[in-house]
Amino acid sequence: MLPFIKRVIGLPGDHVVIDPLGRVRIDGRPLNEPYVRNYCPVDSRGMGPCRTLDAVVPSGHVLVLGDNRGNSWDGRFWPGGHFLPQSEIIGRAFWRFYPFKTWGSLAPTSPQAP
């Protein structure tokens, strides 16, 4: 399996709700995600191609999502289940190469950081 770079959104025990746009609430609070610039398109009835989610992250797992919410193969779509076993995390991104205008060091963030 190929490695993916995704953002950890939910930790064990978090109640995560993702709406049709791809916006996230954790334990009832909206998650501030200034890095997401491409949400999922929806029609006048609020329907779109992205999947919603309402679940509690199980022990020993995390929920990961892509920053390009409208076009990301992430936990919302995985056929084996929404959650990634923590044992399968192989590293942390620390440098952005593209887009070139924003290249540089990535500061570590916490999933619930404001």
Protein backbone atom coordinates (compact mmCIF):
# COMPACT_ATOMS: atom_id res chain seq x y z
CA MET A 1 0.00 0.00 0.00
CA LEU A 2 1.24 3.48 -0.83
CA PRO A 3 1.68 6.00 1.98
CA PHE A 4 -0.61 9.03 2.09
CA ILE A 5 -0.06 12.39 3.73
CA LYS A 6 -3.21 13.29 5.63
CA ARG A 7 -4.06 15.48 8.60
CA VAL A 8 -5.04 13.75 11.86
CA ILE A 9 -8.46 15.19 12.70
CA GLY A 10 -9.86 12.85 15.33
CA LEU A 11 -8.17 11.12 18.26
CA PRO A 12 -9.42 8.08 20.21
CA GLY A 13 -12.67 8.91 22.01
CA ASP A 14 -13.48 12.00 19.91
CA HIS A 15 -17.05 12.24 18.59
CA VAL A 16 -16.54 13.48 15.02
CA VAL A 17 -19.29 14.82 12.77
CA ILE A 18 -18.52 15.76 9.17
CA ASP A 19 -21.22 17.56 7.18
CA PRO A 20 -21.81 17.34 3.38
CA LEU A 21 -19.42 20.26 2.77
CA GLY A 22 -16.63 18.49 4.64
CA ARG A 23 -16.74 20.77 7.69
CA VAL A 24 -15.81 19.06 10.95
CA ARG A 25 -17.20 19.21 14.48
CA ILE A 26 -15.40 17.46 17.31
CA ASP A 27 -17.35 16.79 20.50
CA GLY A 28 -19.91 19.36 19.33
CA ARG A 29 -17.40 22.15 18.62
CA PRO A 30 -16.56 23.32 15.08
CA LEU A 31 -12.97 22.59 14.15
CA ASN A 32 -11.09 25.69 12.98
CA GLU A 33 -9.42 24.61 9.73
CA PRO A 34 -7.91 27.66 8.00
CA TYR A 35 -5.80 25.31 5.82
CA VAL A 36 -8.93 23.92 4.07
CA ARG A 37 -9.69 26.02 1.00
CA ASN A 38 -11.59 23.52 -1.13
CA TYR A 39 -14.73 22.20 0.53
CA CYS A 40 -17.13 19.74 -1.09
CA PRO A 41 -19.69 21.10 -3.57
CA VAL A 42 -23.36 20.69 -2.66
CA ASP A 43 -26.58 21.31 -4.57
CA SER A 44 -29.62 23.32 -3.44
CA ARG A 45 -30.78 20.33 -1.34
CA GLY A 46 -27.43 20.10 0.46
CA MET A 47 -26.41 16.95 -1.41
CA GLY A 48 -22.99 16.39 -2.93
CA PRO A 49 -20.33 13.79 -3.75
CA CYS A 50 -18.60 13.84 -0.34
CA ARG A 51 -19.55 11.49 2.43
CA THR A 52 -20.72 12.59 5.83
CA LEU A 53 -19.67 10.96 9.07
CA ASP A 54 -21.01 10.81 12.63
CA ALA A 55 -18.88 8.47 14.74
CA VAL A 56 -16.65 8.09 17.77
CA VAL A 57 -12.99 7.35 17.01
CA PRO A 58 -12.19 3.92 18.51
CA SER A 59 -9.31 3.23 20.86
CA GLY A 60 -5.98 2.77 19.08
CA HIS A 61 -7.16 4.62 15.94
CA VAL A 62 -7.28 8.12 14.46
CA LEU A 63 -9.43 9.79 11.81
CA VAL A 64 -7.47 11.42 9.00
CA LEU A 65 -8.74 13.79 6.32
CA GLY A 66 -7.13 15.57 3.41
CA ASP A 67 -6.85 19.36 3.36
CA ASN A 68 -8.31 19.37 -0.17
CA ARG A 69 -11.64 18.29 1.30
CA GLY A 70 -13.49 18.29 -2.02
CA ASN A 71 -11.00 15.91 -3.66
CA SER A 72 -9.34 13.69 -1.09
CA TRP A 73 -9.24 9.91 -0.67
CA ASP A 74 -9.38 9.88 3.12
CA GLY A 75 -11.16 8.24 6.04
CA ARG A 76 -14.59 9.28 4.77
CA PHE A 77 -14.22 6.97 1.77
CA TRP A 78 -11.98 4.06 2.78
CA PRO A 79 -13.75 0.75 2.10
CA GLY A 80 -12.20 -1.00 5.14
CA GLY A 81 -13.50 1.57 7.61
CA HIS A 82 -13.12 5.22 8.47
CA PHE A 83 -10.31 4.93 11.00
CA LEU A 84 -6.57 4.42 10.68
CA PRO A 85 -4.86 2.21 13.27
CA GLN A 86 -2.25 4.31 15.07
CA SER A 87 0.25 1.52 14.43
CA GLU A 88 0.10 2.35 10.70
CA ILE A 89 1.26 5.96 11.11
CA ILE A 90 4.77 6.01 9.68
CA GLY A 91 5.84 9.63 10.10
CA ARG A 92 5.05 13.31 10.23
CA ALA A 93 5.21 15.86 7.42
CA PHE A 94 7.67 18.60 8.29
CA TRP A 95 8.32 20.45 5.00
CA ARG A 96 6.04 21.75 2.24
CA PHE A 97 7.49 21.69 -1.27
CA TYR A 98 4.40 22.68 -3.24
CA PRO A 99 2.83 25.06 -3.98
CA PHE A 100 6.12 26.88 -4.38
CA LYS A 101 4.78 30.17 -3.04
CA THR A 102 4.16 28.53 0.36
CA TRP A 103 7.16 26.20 0.59
CA GLY A 104 8.84 25.89 3.95
CA SER A 105 8.74 24.30 7.36
CA LEU A 106 5.44 22.98 8.71
CA ALA A 107 4.78 23.69 12.37
CA PRO A 108 3.24 20.80 14.32
CA THR A 109 -0.43 21.34 15.15
CA SER A 110 -2.88 19.66 17.45
CA PRO A 111 -6.25 18.51 16.04
CA GLN A 112 -8.22 20.79 18.36
CA ALA A 113 -5.91 23.80 18.09
CA PRO A 114 -7.90 27.02 17.54
